[in-house]
Every structure is written in C-alpha cells, then in structure tokens.
N, C-alpha and C. Protein backbone atom coordinates (compact mmCIF):
# COMPACT_ATOMS: atom_id res chain seq x y z
N MET A 1 -115.21 -18.24 22.59
CA MET A 1 -115.30 -17.75 21.65
C MET A 1 -115.91 -18.41 20.48
N ASN A 2 -117.07 -18.24 19.49
CA ASN A 2 -117.50 -18.84 18.55
C ASN A 2 -116.66 -19.14 17.35
N LYS A 3 -116.53 -20.47 16.76
CA LYS A 3 -115.52 -20.80 15.72
C LYS A 3 -115.97 -20.26 14.53
N SER A 4 -117.12 -19.71 14.36
CA SER A 4 -117.31 -19.21 13.11
C SER A 4 -117.13 -17.36 12.96
N GLU A 5 -117.01 -16.81 14.28
CA GLU A 5 -116.37 -15.56 14.20
C GLU A 5 -115.43 -15.54 13.23
N LEU A 6 -115.20 -14.19 12.53
CA LEU A 6 -113.81 -13.81 11.94
C LEU A 6 -112.94 -13.10 12.96
N ILE A 7 -111.62 -14.15 12.88
CA ILE A 7 -110.73 -13.33 13.72
C ILE A 7 -109.68 -12.73 12.57
N SER A 8 -109.13 -11.51 13.50
CA SER A 8 -108.25 -10.62 12.47
C SER A 8 -107.01 -10.39 13.14
N ILE A 9 -105.89 -10.83 12.63
CA ILE A 9 -104.68 -10.79 13.28
C ILE A 9 -103.78 -9.71 12.46
N VAL A 10 -103.60 -8.51 13.07
CA VAL A 10 -102.71 -7.52 12.53
C VAL A 10 -101.21 -7.66 12.91
N ILE A 11 -100.28 -7.80 12.04
CA ILE A 11 -98.53 -7.61 12.61
C ILE A 11 -98.31 -6.60 11.61
N PRO A 12 -97.52 -5.64 12.45
CA PRO A 12 -96.62 -4.63 11.43
C PRO A 12 -95.46 -5.32 11.51
N VAL A 13 -94.98 -4.65 9.92
CA VAL A 13 -93.62 -5.48 9.77
C VAL A 13 -92.75 -3.99 9.09
N PHE A 14 -91.28 -4.19 9.86
CA PHE A 14 -90.67 -3.06 9.31
C PHE A 14 -89.30 -4.05 9.14
N ASN A 15 -88.72 -3.94 7.93
CA ASN A 15 -87.28 -4.76 7.89
C ASN A 15 -87.34 -6.32 8.74
N GLU A 16 -88.19 -6.87 8.28
CA GLU A 16 -88.18 -8.35 8.86
C GLU A 16 -88.12 -9.71 7.70
N ALA A 17 -87.21 -9.23 6.60
CA ALA A 17 -87.37 -10.34 5.75
C ALA A 17 -86.81 -11.51 6.41
N GLY A 18 -85.62 -11.81 7.29
CA GLY A 18 -85.26 -12.81 7.55
C GLY A 18 -86.21 -13.64 8.71
N ALA A 19 -87.29 -12.52 8.93
CA ALA A 19 -88.29 -13.53 9.87
C ALA A 19 -89.67 -14.07 9.31
N LEU A 20 -90.16 -13.21 8.32
CA LEU A 20 -91.36 -13.27 7.67
C LEU A 20 -91.78 -14.91 7.44
N ASP A 21 -91.00 -15.71 6.89
CA ASP A 21 -91.52 -16.80 6.27
C ASP A 21 -91.80 -17.44 7.61
N GLU A 22 -91.20 -17.60 8.84
CA GLU A 22 -91.22 -18.50 9.74
C GLU A 22 -92.58 -17.99 10.39
N LEU A 23 -93.04 -16.66 10.57
CA LEU A 23 -94.08 -15.79 11.12
C LEU A 23 -95.14 -16.24 10.62
N ILE A 24 -95.04 -16.30 9.20
CA ILE A 24 -96.17 -16.42 8.59
C ILE A 24 -96.92 -17.83 8.43
N ARG A 25 -95.71 -18.54 8.46
CA ARG A 25 -96.23 -20.20 8.72
C ARG A 25 -96.88 -20.54 9.75
N ARG A 26 -96.03 -20.07 11.00
CA ARG A 26 -96.75 -20.10 12.45
C ARG A 26 -98.16 -19.54 12.50
N CYS A 27 -98.36 -18.30 12.14
CA CYS A 27 -99.36 -17.72 12.17
C CYS A 27 -100.62 -18.70 11.45
N LEU A 28 -100.57 -18.95 10.06
CA LEU A 28 -101.01 -19.72 9.33
C LEU A 28 -101.72 -21.17 9.84
N ASP A 29 -100.79 -21.92 10.29
CA ASP A 29 -100.56 -22.90 11.12
C ASP A 29 -101.69 -22.74 12.32
N THR A 30 -101.49 -22.32 12.94
CA THR A 30 -102.33 -21.82 14.42
C THR A 30 -103.45 -21.21 14.23
N CYS A 31 -103.83 -20.63 13.19
CA CYS A 31 -105.00 -19.96 12.87
C CYS A 31 -105.93 -21.33 12.32
N ARG A 32 -105.45 -21.91 11.28
CA ARG A 32 -105.87 -23.15 10.57
C ARG A 32 -106.57 -24.28 11.67
N GLU A 33 -105.72 -24.20 12.95
CA GLU A 33 -106.06 -25.41 13.88
C GLU A 33 -107.05 -24.81 14.75
N ARG A 34 -107.20 -23.54 14.82
CA ARG A 34 -108.24 -23.05 16.08
C ARG A 34 -109.51 -22.30 15.37
N PHE A 35 -109.42 -21.65 14.08
CA PHE A 35 -110.27 -21.06 13.63
C PHE A 35 -110.93 -21.35 12.47
N SER A 36 -111.99 -21.25 12.31
CA SER A 36 -112.74 -21.58 10.82
C SER A 36 -112.38 -20.70 9.55
N ARG A 37 -112.51 -19.14 10.26
CA ARG A 37 -112.62 -18.15 9.68
C ARG A 37 -111.35 -17.05 10.50
N PHE A 38 -110.49 -16.40 9.30
CA PHE A 38 -109.62 -15.26 9.90
C PHE A 38 -108.87 -15.04 8.80
N GLU A 39 -108.23 -13.75 9.13
CA GLU A 39 -107.26 -13.02 8.44
C GLU A 39 -105.97 -12.64 8.96
N ILE A 40 -105.16 -12.69 8.23
CA ILE A 40 -103.86 -12.14 8.89
C ILE A 40 -103.36 -11.21 8.04
N ILE A 41 -103.39 -9.96 8.43
CA ILE A 41 -103.09 -8.51 8.08
C ILE A 41 -101.59 -8.16 8.50
N LEU A 42 -100.73 -8.38 7.32
CA LEU A 42 -99.57 -7.89 7.38
C LEU A 42 -99.41 -6.35 7.00
N VAL A 43 -98.82 -5.37 7.75
CA VAL A 43 -98.80 -4.02 7.64
C VAL A 43 -97.37 -3.58 7.42
N ASP A 44 -97.05 -3.22 5.74
CA ASP A 44 -95.47 -2.98 5.87
C ASP A 44 -95.22 -1.41 6.38
N ASP A 45 -94.48 -1.17 6.92
CA ASP A 45 -94.11 0.19 7.68
C ASP A 45 -92.85 0.76 6.94
N GLY A 46 -92.77 0.75 5.63
CA GLY A 46 -91.73 1.32 4.68
C GLY A 46 -90.28 0.71 4.88
N SER A 47 -90.47 -0.94 4.88
CA SER A 47 -89.37 -1.79 4.40
C SER A 47 -88.58 -1.26 3.54
N THR A 48 -87.26 -1.66 3.47
CA THR A 48 -86.41 -1.60 2.54
C THR A 48 -85.38 -2.71 2.42
N ASP A 49 -86.13 -3.88 3.05
CA ASP A 49 -85.22 -5.05 2.87
C ASP A 49 -85.67 -6.25 2.03
N GLY A 50 -86.82 -5.93 1.28
CA GLY A 50 -87.57 -6.97 0.70
C GLY A 50 -88.65 -7.66 1.67
N SER A 51 -89.09 -7.15 2.16
CA SER A 51 -89.89 -7.29 3.44
C SER A 51 -91.39 -7.20 2.62
N THR A 52 -91.30 -6.04 1.80
CA THR A 52 -92.55 -5.70 1.09
C THR A 52 -92.95 -6.86 0.12
N ASP A 53 -92.10 -7.16 -0.75
CA ASP A 53 -92.14 -8.48 -2.03
C ASP A 53 -92.77 -9.60 -1.00
N MET A 54 -92.21 -9.98 0.09
CA MET A 54 -92.44 -11.02 0.58
C MET A 54 -93.84 -11.08 0.97
N ILE A 55 -94.31 -9.82 1.83
CA ILE A 55 -95.82 -9.61 2.07
C ILE A 55 -96.70 -9.94 0.95
N CYS A 56 -96.12 -9.29 -0.26
CA CYS A 56 -97.02 -9.38 -1.38
C CYS A 56 -97.35 -11.01 -1.81
N ASN A 57 -95.87 -11.66 -1.79
CA ASN A 57 -95.98 -13.06 -2.10
C ASN A 57 -96.81 -13.81 -1.20
N ALA A 58 -96.75 -13.62 0.16
CA ALA A 58 -97.70 -14.61 0.96
C ALA A 58 -99.12 -14.08 0.81
N ALA A 59 -99.51 -13.04 0.53
CA ALA A 59 -100.82 -12.73 0.09
C ALA A 59 -101.71 -13.40 -1.07
N GLY A 60 -100.75 -13.44 -2.09
CA GLY A 60 -101.10 -14.11 -3.16
C GLY A 60 -101.17 -15.31 -2.98
N GLN A 61 -100.18 -15.96 -2.29
CA GLN A 61 -100.55 -17.54 -2.11
C GLN A 61 -101.27 -18.22 -1.01
N HIS A 62 -101.60 -17.29 0.28
CA HIS A 62 -102.31 -18.13 1.08
C HIS A 62 -103.62 -17.28 1.30
N PRO A 63 -104.80 -18.07 1.42
CA PRO A 63 -105.74 -17.57 1.39
C PRO A 63 -105.96 -16.92 2.95
N GLY A 64 -106.40 -15.70 3.19
CA GLY A 64 -106.69 -15.47 4.47
C GLY A 64 -105.56 -14.59 5.15
N ALA A 65 -104.40 -14.27 4.06
CA ALA A 65 -103.32 -13.63 4.37
C ALA A 65 -103.60 -12.27 3.49
N ARG A 66 -103.39 -10.98 4.07
CA ARG A 66 -103.66 -9.78 3.23
C ARG A 66 -102.38 -8.91 3.51
N ALA A 67 -102.31 -8.18 2.48
CA ALA A 67 -100.98 -7.02 2.79
C ALA A 67 -101.78 -5.57 3.02
N ARG A 68 -100.92 -4.79 3.71
CA ARG A 68 -101.25 -3.66 3.99
C ARG A 68 -100.06 -2.58 3.83
N ASP A 69 -100.47 -1.29 3.61
CA ASP A 69 -99.56 -0.33 3.47
C ASP A 69 -99.76 0.83 5.09
N ALA A 70 -98.75 0.72 5.68
CA ALA A 70 -99.02 1.81 7.14
C ALA A 70 -99.54 3.06 6.49
N ASP A 71 -99.27 3.45 5.38
CA ASP A 71 -99.87 4.67 4.87
C ASP A 71 -100.92 4.83 4.46
N PRO A 72 -102.00 5.41 4.94
CA PRO A 72 -103.35 5.24 4.14
C PRO A 72 -103.53 6.09 3.17
N GLU A 73 -102.49 7.08 2.61
CA GLU A 73 -102.56 7.59 1.74
C GLU A 73 -101.99 7.11 0.52
N ALA A 74 -101.32 5.72 0.60
CA ALA A 74 -100.52 5.20 -0.32
C ALA A 74 -101.60 4.99 -1.42
N PRO A 75 -100.79 4.67 -2.57
CA PRO A 75 -102.20 4.20 -3.69
C PRO A 75 -102.60 3.21 -3.18
N GLY A 76 -103.90 3.08 -3.81
CA GLY A 76 -104.95 1.71 -3.56
C GLY A 76 -105.16 2.01 -2.03
N GLY A 77 -105.44 3.01 -1.07
CA GLY A 77 -105.90 3.21 -0.15
C GLY A 77 -105.44 2.61 1.13
N GLY A 78 -104.06 2.10 0.97
CA GLY A 78 -102.93 1.26 1.83
C GLY A 78 -103.25 -0.38 1.53
N GLU A 79 -103.97 -0.55 0.64
CA GLU A 79 -103.85 -1.83 0.00
C GLU A 79 -102.59 -2.21 -0.70
N ARG A 80 -101.79 -3.00 -0.20
CA ARG A 80 -100.42 -3.28 -0.62
C ARG A 80 -100.42 -4.05 -2.08
N CYS A 81 -101.01 -5.32 -2.20
CA CYS A 81 -100.85 -5.71 -3.52
C CYS A 81 -102.01 -6.23 -3.86
C-alpha cells in the first residue's frame, strides 16, 4: 500500500458513549503510525446516550476525524457536525 494514499475507516456507532474515547484514541494512534493520509468517519446510527455529542467533539478536536449521520436525509446531507 502506498503511504500517500488516503485511507478511510468507517465506524458505525450506536449508543457507545462508554467506549468511544478509547476507540477514537486507538484508531488515531494506529492511523498516525501507519498512514500519512487518513480519515476516520464515525457514523451515528440514532444514538441516545450522548454518543452523538462525543462524535461531534472528536470531529472538532482531531484532524482526520469526521462525523456523519446514518440517515442521508438528515439536515446537512448526513454531515453531523
């Protein structure tokens, strides 16, 4: 694999507030070690436990992390934050 290729990691999220911080940290650490260009796309699937806010915070704090809504009809065309 060419290190300059963009790698996209898509992670569906549903009520995972208790595990998200660790998941995001591990994904970012691994991607930073192995790839020069990457994006981590966290797709919220209707969470009700605060996962949505955590996803938005991660997208705002970490370059390479993006938040999406599983519903393509959601406001913003699925872009969450």
